[in-house]
Amino acid sequence: MMNHKFTFLIFALSISFIISSCGNDDGRSCTTCNSDQTPDFTVCQESNGNASVNGQDTGTNYDTYISGLVEAGATCGG
């Protein structure tokens, strides 16, 4: 009987971990950029793949947007 309780406990903990791991994933990641002309600002990659600045979708693919910033002299990320 003790073996079934232990198995159920492990199963319940595993399910809880899986649900909590996925529950807060909003598909968004952010990086900080700066340049000589601007103070630090945050650029985020939205779940649709576009870059956003200050919560505003730029309508431009994140990688393209970051590349453009770097070409213009900005430093982004670590």
PDB file of N, CA and C in Angstrom:
ATOM      1  N   MET A   1       0.820  -1.189   0.000  1.00  0.00           N
ATOM      2  CA  MET A   1       0.000   0.000   0.000  1.00  0.00           C
ATOM      3  C   MET A   1       0.866   1.256   0.000  1.00  0.00           C
ATOM      4  N   MET A   2       1.959   1.238   0.722  1.00  0.00           N
ATOM      5  CA  MET A   2       2.838   2.397   0.805  1.00  0.00           C
ATOM      6  C   MET A   2       3.447   2.709  -0.561  1.00  0.00           C
ATOM      7  N   ASN A   3       3.735   1.694  -1.359  1.00  0.00           N
ATOM      8  CA  ASN A   3       4.328   1.882  -2.673  1.00  0.00           C
ATOM      9  C   ASN A   3       3.401   2.665  -3.599  1.00  0.00           C
ATOM     10  N   HIS A   4       2.083   2.422  -3.552  1.00  0.00           N
ATOM     11  CA  HIS A   4       1.115   3.125  -4.381  1.00  0.00           C
ATOM     12  C   HIS A   4       1.032   4.604  -3.989  1.00  0.00           C
ATOM     13  N   LYS A   5       1.097   4.883  -2.704  1.00  0.00           N
ATOM     14  CA  LYS A   5       1.063   6.273  -2.248  1.00  0.00           C
ATOM     15  C   LYS A   5       2.302   7.019  -2.725  1.00  0.00           C
ATOM     16  N   PHE A   6       3.448   6.380  -2.641  1.00  0.00           N
ATOM     17  CA  PHE A   6       4.688   7.007  -3.082  1.00  0.00           C
ATOM     18  C   PHE A   6       4.636   7.268  -4.588  1.00  0.00           C
ATOM     19  N   THR A   7       4.170   6.305  -5.350  1.00  0.00           N
ATOM     20  CA  THR A   7       4.058   6.466  -6.799  1.00  0.00           C
ATOM     21  C   THR A   7       3.103   7.603  -7.137  1.00  0.00           C
ATOM     22  N   PHE A   8       1.972   7.677  -6.457  1.00  0.00           N
ATOM     23  CA  PHE A   8       1.013   8.758  -6.694  1.00  0.00           C
ATOM     24  C   PHE A   8       1.624  10.105  -6.340  1.00  0.00           C
ATOM     25  N   LEU A   9       2.356  10.174  -5.247  1.00  0.00           N
ATOM     26  CA  LEU A   9       2.990  11.427  -4.834  1.00  0.00           C
ATOM     27  C   LEU A   9       3.978  11.900  -5.896  1.00  0.00           C
ATOM     28  N   ILE A  10       4.812  11.008  -6.383  1.00  0.00           N
ATOM     29  CA  ILE A  10       5.782  11.357  -7.424  1.00  0.00           C
ATOM     30  C   ILE A  10       5.051  11.825  -8.682  1.00  0.00           C
ATOM     31  N   PHE A  11       3.990  11.122  -9.068  1.00  0.00           N
ATOM     32  CA  PHE A  11       3.210  11.496 -10.239  1.00  0.00           C
ATOM     33  C   PHE A  11       2.599  12.886 -10.058  1.00  0.00           C
ATOM     34  N   ALA A  12       2.007  13.151  -8.922  1.00  0.00           N
ATOM     35  CA  ALA A  12       1.372  14.450  -8.661  1.00  0.00           C
ATOM     36  C   ALA A  12       2.400  15.581  -8.669  1.00  0.00           C
ATOM     37  N   LEU A  13       3.550  15.354  -8.061  1.00  0.00           N
ATOM     38  CA  LEU A  13       4.598  16.369  -8.063  1.00  0.00           C
ATOM     39  C   LEU A  13       5.118  16.632  -9.479  1.00  0.00           C
ATOM     40  N   SER A  14       5.239  15.592 -10.259  1.00  0.00           N
ATOM     41  CA  SER A  14       5.707  15.749 -11.639  1.00  0.00           C
ATOM     42  C   SER A  14       4.727  16.577 -12.458  1.00  0.00           C
ATOM     43  N   ILE A  15       3.444  16.282 -12.334  1.00  0.00           N
ATOM     44  CA  ILE A  15       2.420  17.040 -13.060  1.00  0.00           C
ATOM     45  C   ILE A  15       2.417  18.491 -12.603  1.00  0.00           C
ATOM     46  N   SER A  16       2.522  18.731 -11.329  1.00  0.00           N
ATOM     47  CA  SER A  16       2.559  20.103 -10.809  1.00  0.00           C
ATOM     48  C   SER A  16       3.749  20.864 -11.363  1.00  0.00           C
ATOM     49  N   PHE A  17       4.890  20.216 -11.423  1.00  0.00           N
ATOM     50  CA  PHE A  17       6.092  20.853 -11.954  1.00  0.00           C
ATOM     51  C   PHE A  17       5.909  21.197 -13.430  1.00  0.00           C
ATOM     52  N   ILE A  18       5.369  20.294 -14.201  1.00  0.00           N
ATOM     53  CA  ILE A  18       5.159  20.538 -15.634  1.00  0.00           C
ATOM     54  C   ILE A  18       4.206  21.698 -15.856  1.00  0.00           C
ATOM     55  N   ILE A  19       3.119  21.719 -15.114  1.00  0.00           N
ATOM     56  CA  ILE A  19       2.139  22.800 -15.270  1.00  0.00           C
ATOM     57  C   ILE A  19       2.737  24.136 -14.867  1.00  0.00           C
ATOM     58  N   SER A  20       3.457  24.189 -13.762  1.00  0.00           N
ATOM     59  CA  SER A  20       4.027  25.458 -13.319  1.00  0.00           C
ATOM     60  C   SER A  20       5.157  25.919 -14.230  1.00  0.00           C
ATOM     61  N   SER A  21       5.871  25.011 -14.862  1.00  0.00           N
ATOM     62  CA  SER A  21       6.951  25.385 -15.766  1.00  0.00           C
ATOM     63  C   SER A  21       6.416  26.047 -17.028  1.00  0.00           C
ATOM     64  N   CYS A  22       5.280  25.598 -17.486  1.00  0.00           N
ATOM     65  CA  CYS A  22       4.707  26.126 -18.723  1.00  0.00           C
ATOM     66  C   CYS A  22       3.730  27.256 -18.479  1.00  0.00           C
ATOM     67  N   GLY A  23       3.230  27.397 -17.317  1.00  0.00           N
ATOM     68  CA  GLY A  23       2.169  28.347 -17.042  1.00  0.00           C
ATOM     69  C   GLY A  23       2.539  29.801 -17.226  1.00  0.00           C
ATOM     70  N   ASN A  24       3.774  30.189 -16.986  1.00  0.00           N
ATOM     71  CA  ASN A  24       4.163  31.582 -17.070  1.00  0.00           C
ATOM     72  C   ASN A  24       4.895  31.925 -18.355  1.00  0.00           C
ATOM     73  N   ASP A  25       4.919  31.032 -19.311  1.00  0.00           N
ATOM     74  CA  ASP A  25       5.628  31.261 -20.556  1.00  0.00           C
ATOM     75  C   ASP A  25       4.763  32.094 -21.486  1.00  0.00           C
ATOM     76  N   ASP A  26       5.071  33.399 -21.593  1.00  0.00           N
ATOM     77  CA  ASP A  26       4.272  34.252 -22.460  1.00  0.00           C
ATOM     78  C   ASP A  26       4.918  34.447 -23.823  1.00  0.00           C
ATOM     79  N   GLY A  27       5.992  33.713 -24.109  1.00  0.00           N
ATOM     80  CA  GLY A  27       6.625  33.797 -25.406  1.00  0.00           C
ATOM     81  C   GLY A  27       7.399  35.086 -25.622  1.00  0.00           C
ATOM     82  N   ARG A  28       7.841  35.735 -24.593  1.00  0.00           N
ATOM     83  CA  ARG A  28       8.478  37.039 -24.689  1.00  0.00           C
ATOM     84  C   ARG A  28       9.842  37.001 -24.019  1.00  0.00           C
ATOM     85  N   SER A  29      10.840  37.528 -24.708  1.00  0.00           N
ATOM     86  CA  SER A  29      12.158  37.682 -24.106  1.00  0.00           C
ATOM     87  C   SER A  29      12.657  39.082 -24.425  1.00  0.00           C
ATOM     88  N   CYS A  30      13.463  39.638 -23.526  1.00  0.00           N
ATOM     89  CA  CYS A  30      13.901  41.025 -23.661  1.00  0.00           C
ATOM     90  C   CYS A  30      15.404  41.152 -23.490  1.00  0.00           C
ATOM     91  N   THR A  31      15.956  42.215 -24.065  1.00  0.00           N
ATOM     92  CA  THR A  31      17.355  42.556 -23.906  1.00  0.00           C
ATOM     93  C   THR A  31      17.481  44.073 -23.774  1.00  0.00           C
ATOM     94  N   THR A  32      18.529  44.506 -23.122  1.00  0.00           N
ATOM     95  CA  THR A  32      18.773  45.933 -22.956  1.00  0.00           C
ATOM     96  C   THR A  32      19.766  46.397 -24.009  1.00  0.00           C
ATOM     97  N   CYS A  33      19.470  47.544 -24.609  1.00  0.00           N
ATOM     98  CA  CYS A  33      20.349  48.144 -25.609  1.00  0.00           C
ATOM     99  C   CYS A  33      20.707  49.557 -25.173  1.00  0.00           C
ATOM    100  N   ASN A  34      21.833  50.053 -25.681  1.00  0.00           N
ATOM    101  CA  ASN A  34      22.216  51.433 -25.439  1.00  0.00           C
ATOM    102  C   ASN A  34      23.107  51.913 -26.576  1.00  0.00           C
ATOM    103  N   SER A  35      23.214  53.219 -26.675  1.00  0.00           N
ATOM    104  CA  SER A  35      24.106  53.825 -27.658  1.00  0.00           C
ATOM    105  C   SER A  35      24.558  55.169 -27.116  1.00  0.00           C
ATOM    106  N   ASP A  36      25.464  55.805 -27.836  1.00  0.00           N
ATOM    107  CA  ASP A  36      25.933  57.124 -27.422  1.00  0.00           C
ATOM    108  C   ASP A  36      24.814  58.168 -27.510  1.00  0.00           C
ATOM    109  N   GLN A  37      23.828  57.933 -28.380  1.00  0.00           N
ATOM    110  CA  GLN A  37      22.763  58.899 -28.608  1.00  0.00           C
ATOM    111  C   GLN A  37      21.538  58.699 -27.719  1.00  0.00           C
ATOM    112  N   THR A  38      21.444  57.556 -27.040  1.00  0.00           N
ATOM    113  CA  THR A  38      20.237  57.266 -26.264  1.00  0.00           C
ATOM    114  C   THR A  38      20.578  56.695 -24.897  1.00  0.00           C
ATOM    115  N   PRO A  39      19.675  56.869 -23.942  1.00  0.00           N
ATOM    116  CA  PRO A  39      19.829  56.136 -22.676  1.00  0.00           C
ATOM    117  C   PRO A  39      19.494  54.657 -22.924  1.00  0.00           C
ATOM    118  N   ASP A  40      19.781  53.818 -21.944  1.00  0.00           N
ATOM    119  CA  ASP A  40      19.437  52.396 -22.063  1.00  0.00           C
ATOM    120  C   ASP A  40      17.951  52.236 -22.360  1.00  0.00           C
ATOM    121  N   PHE A  41      17.634  51.268 -23.205  1.00  0.00           N
ATOM    122  CA  PHE A  41      16.236  50.951 -23.494  1.00  0.00           C
ATOM    123  C   PHE A  41      16.114  49.452 -23.686  1.00  0.00           C
ATOM    124  N   THR A  42      14.904  48.956 -23.541  1.00  0.00           N
ATOM    125  CA  THR A  42      14.640  47.520 -23.616  1.00  0.00           C
ATOM    126  C   THR A  42      13.930  47.181 -24.917  1.00  0.00           C
ATOM    127  N   VAL A  43      14.444  46.169 -25.594  1.00  0.00           N
ATOM    128  CA  VAL A  43      13.822  45.640 -26.805  1.00  0.00           C
ATOM    129  C   VAL A  43      13.393  44.218 -26.481  1.00  0.00           C
ATOM    130  N   CYS A  44      12.130  43.903 -26.750  1.00  0.00           N
ATOM    131  CA  CYS A  44      11.600  42.568 -26.456  1.00  0.00           C
ATOM    132  C   CYS A  44      11.217  41.849 -27.737  1.00  0.00           C
ATOM    133  N   GLN A  45      11.357  40.536 -27.708  1.00  0.00           N
ATOM    134  CA  GLN A  45      10.874  39.708 -28.800  1.00  0.00           C
ATOM    135  C   GLN A  45       9.512  39.183 -28.390  1.00  0.00           C
ATOM    136  N   GLU A  46       8.495  39.599 -29.115  1.00  0.00           N
ATOM    137  CA  GLU A  46       7.129  39.187 -28.825  1.00  0.00           C
ATOM    138  C   GLU A  46       6.875  37.778 -29.344  1.00  0.00           C
ATOM    139  N   SER A  47       5.790  37.189 -28.922  1.00  0.00           N
ATOM    140  CA  SER A  47       5.463  35.818 -29.321  1.00  0.00           C
ATOM    141  C   SER A  47       5.250  35.695 -30.833  1.00  0.00           C
ATOM    142  N   ASN A  48       4.943  36.807 -31.519  1.00  0.00           N
ATOM    143  CA  ASN A  48       4.766  36.763 -32.970  1.00  0.00           C
ATOM    144  C   ASN A  48       6.085  36.922 -33.723  1.00  0.00           C
ATOM    145  N   GLY A  49       7.219  37.083 -32.983  1.00  0.00           N
ATOM    146  CA  GLY A  49       8.529  37.198 -33.598  1.00  0.00           C
ATOM    147  C   GLY A  49       8.976  38.626 -33.834  1.00  0.00           C
ATOM    148  N   ASN A  50       8.095  39.589 -33.629  1.00  0.00           N
ATOM    149  CA  ASN A  50       8.446  40.993 -33.830  1.00  0.00           C
ATOM    150  C   ASN A  50       9.137  41.582 -32.616  1.00  0.00           C
ATOM    151  N   ALA A  51       9.863  42.672 -32.851  1.00  0.00           N
ATOM    152  CA  ALA A  51      10.487  43.432 -31.770  1.00  0.00           C
ATOM    153  C   ALA A  51       9.475  44.439 -31.243  1.00  0.00           C
ATOM    154  N   SER A  52       9.538  44.697 -29.938  1.00  0.00           N
ATOM    155  CA  SER A  52       8.734  45.768 -29.352  1.00  0.00           C
ATOM    156  C   SER A  52       9.648  46.615 -28.476  1.00  0.00           C
ATOM    157  N   VAL A  53       9.359  47.912 -28.433  1.00  0.00           N
ATOM    158  CA  VAL A  53      10.089  48.856 -27.599  1.00  0.00           C
ATOM    159  C   VAL A  53       9.055  49.600 -26.776  1.00  0.00           C
ATOM    160  N   ASN A  54       9.252  49.623 -25.473  1.00  0.00           N
ATOM    161  CA  ASN A  54       8.277  50.247 -24.567  1.00  0.00           C
ATOM    162  C   ASN A  54       6.873  49.694 -24.759  1.00  0.00           C
ATOM    163  N   GLY A  55       6.783  48.406 -25.038  1.00  0.00           N
ATOM    164  CA  GLY A  55       5.486  47.758 -25.193  1.00  0.00           C
ATOM    165  C   GLY A  55       4.821  47.966 -26.537  1.00  0.00           C
ATOM    166  N   GLN A  56       5.457  48.703 -27.423  1.00  0.00           N
ATOM    167  CA  GLN A  56       4.885  48.973 -28.743  1.00  0.00           C
ATOM    168  C   GLN A  56       5.532  48.053 -29.781  1.00  0.00           C
ATOM    169  N   ASP A  57       4.700  47.265 -30.473  1.00  0.00           N
ATOM    170  CA  ASP A  57       5.177  46.373 -31.517  1.00  0.00           C
ATOM    171  C   ASP A  57       5.721  47.217 -32.672  1.00  0.00           C
ATOM    172  N   THR A  58       6.967  46.968 -33.061  1.00  0.00           N
ATOM    173  CA  THR A  58       7.580  47.738 -34.144  1.00  0.00           C
ATOM    174  C   THR A  58       7.137  47.271 -35.523  1.00  0.00           C
ATOM    175  N   GLY A  59       6.551  46.069 -35.597  1.00  0.00           N
ATOM    176  CA  GLY A  59       6.173  45.515 -36.890  1.00  0.00           C
ATOM    177  C   GLY A  59       7.365  44.943 -37.643  1.00  0.00           C
ATOM    178  N   THR A  60       8.519  44.873 -36.968  1.00  0.00           N
ATOM    179  CA  THR A  60       9.751  44.380 -37.585  1.00  0.00           C
ATOM    180  C   THR A  60      10.214  43.135 -36.841  1.00  0.00           C
ATOM    181  N   ASN A  61      10.685  42.154 -37.595  1.00  0.00           N
ATOM    182  CA  ASN A  61      11.224  40.935 -37.005  1.00  0.00           C
ATOM    183  C   ASN A  61      12.299  41.296 -35.984  1.00  0.00           C
ATOM    184  N   TYR A  62      12.300  40.612 -34.845  1.00  0.00           N
ATOM    185  CA  TYR A  62      13.225  40.905 -33.748  1.00  0.00           C
ATOM    186  C   TYR A  62      14.688  40.884 -34.189  1.00  0.00           C
ATOM    187  N   ASP A  63      15.111  39.811 -34.871  1.00  0.00           N
ATOM    188  CA  ASP A  63      16.513  39.693 -35.282  1.00  0.00           C
ATOM    189  C   ASP A  63      16.901  40.822 -36.241  1.00  0.00           C
ATOM    190  N   THR A  64      15.993  41.165 -37.156  1.00  0.00           N
ATOM    191  CA  THR A  64      16.238  42.255 -38.104  1.00  0.00           C
ATOM    192  C   THR A  64      16.365  43.579 -37.359  1.00  0.00           C
ATOM    193  N   TYR A  65      15.496  43.791 -36.380  1.00  0.00           N
ATOM    194  CA  TYR A  65      15.503  45.037 -35.610  1.00  0.00           C
ATOM    195  C   TYR A  65      16.801  45.177 -34.814  1.00  0.00           C
ATOM    196  N   ILE A  66      17.206  44.105 -34.122  1.00  0.00           N
ATOM    197  CA  ILE A  66      18.448  44.130 -33.342  1.00  0.00           C
ATOM    198  C   ILE A  66      19.644  44.353 -34.261  1.00  0.00           C
ATOM    199  N   SER A  67      19.676  43.681 -35.404  1.00  0.00           N
ATOM    200  CA  SER A  67      20.776  43.858 -36.359  1.00  0.00           C
ATOM    201  C   SER A  67      20.868  45.307 -36.817  1.00  0.00           C
ATOM    202  N   GLY A  68      19.727  45.928 -37.070  1.00  0.00           N
ATOM    203  CA  GLY A  68      19.709  47.325 -37.479  1.00  0.00           C
ATOM    204  C   GLY A  68      20.235  48.245 -36.392  1.00  0.00           C
ATOM    205  N   LEU A  69      19.870  47.965 -35.148  1.00  0.00           N
ATOM    206  CA  LEU A  69      20.380  48.770 -34.036  1.00  0.00           C
ATOM    207  C   LEU A  69      21.891  48.660 -33.921  1.00  0.00           C
ATOM    208  N   VAL A  70      22.398  47.438 -34.028  1.00  0.00           N
ATOM    209  CA  VAL A  70      23.840  47.197 -33.908  1.00  0.00           C
ATOM    210  C   VAL A  70      24.578  47.894 -35.062  1.00  0.00           C
ATOM    211  N   GLU A  71      24.044  47.806 -36.276  1.00  0.00           N
ATOM    212  CA  GLU A  71      24.660  48.476 -37.424  1.00  0.00           C
ATOM    213  C   GLU A  71      24.686  49.984 -37.241  1.00  0.00           C
ATOM    214  N   ALA A  72      23.690  50.522 -36.506  1.00  0.00           N
ATOM    215  CA  ALA A  72      23.627  51.966 -36.264  1.00  0.00           C
ATOM    216  C   ALA A  72      24.504  52.387 -35.078  1.00  0.00           C
ATOM    217  N   GLY A  73      25.179  51.414 -34.437  1.00  0.00           N
ATOM    218  CA  GLY A  73      26.106  51.748 -33.364  1.00  0.00           C
ATOM    219  C   GLY A  73      25.633  51.417 -31.961  1.00  0.00           C
ATOM    220  N   ALA A  74      24.473  50.814 -31.813  1.00  0.00           N
ATOM    221  CA  ALA A  74      23.971  50.438 -30.496  1.00  0.00           C
ATOM    222  C   ALA A  74      24.640  49.148 -30.022  1.00  0.00           C
ATOM    223  N   THR A  75      24.638  48.954 -28.734  1.00  0.00           N
ATOM    224  CA  THR A  75      25.102  47.708 -28.119  1.00  0.00           C
ATOM    225  C   THR A  75      23.894  47.087 -27.447  1.00  0.00           C
ATOM    226  N   CYS A  76      23.641  45.812 -27.769  1.00  0.00           N
ATOM    227  CA  CYS A  76      22.486  45.109 -27.197  1.00  0.00           C
ATOM    228  C   CYS A  76      22.928  43.806 -26.559  1.00  0.00           C
ATOM    229  N   GLY A  77      22.335  43.505 -25.410  1.00  0.00           N
ATOM    230  CA  GLY A  77      22.639  42.257 -24.715  1.00  0.00           C
ATOM    231  C   GLY A  77      23.911  42.342 -23.909  1.00  0.00           C
ATOM    232  N   GLY A  78      24.367  41.166 -23.499  1.00  0.00           N
ATOM    233  CA  GLY A  78      25.535  41.104 -22.632  1.00  0.00           C
ATOM    234  C   GLY A  78      26.769  41.010 -23.383  1.00  0.00           C
TER     235      GLY A  78
END
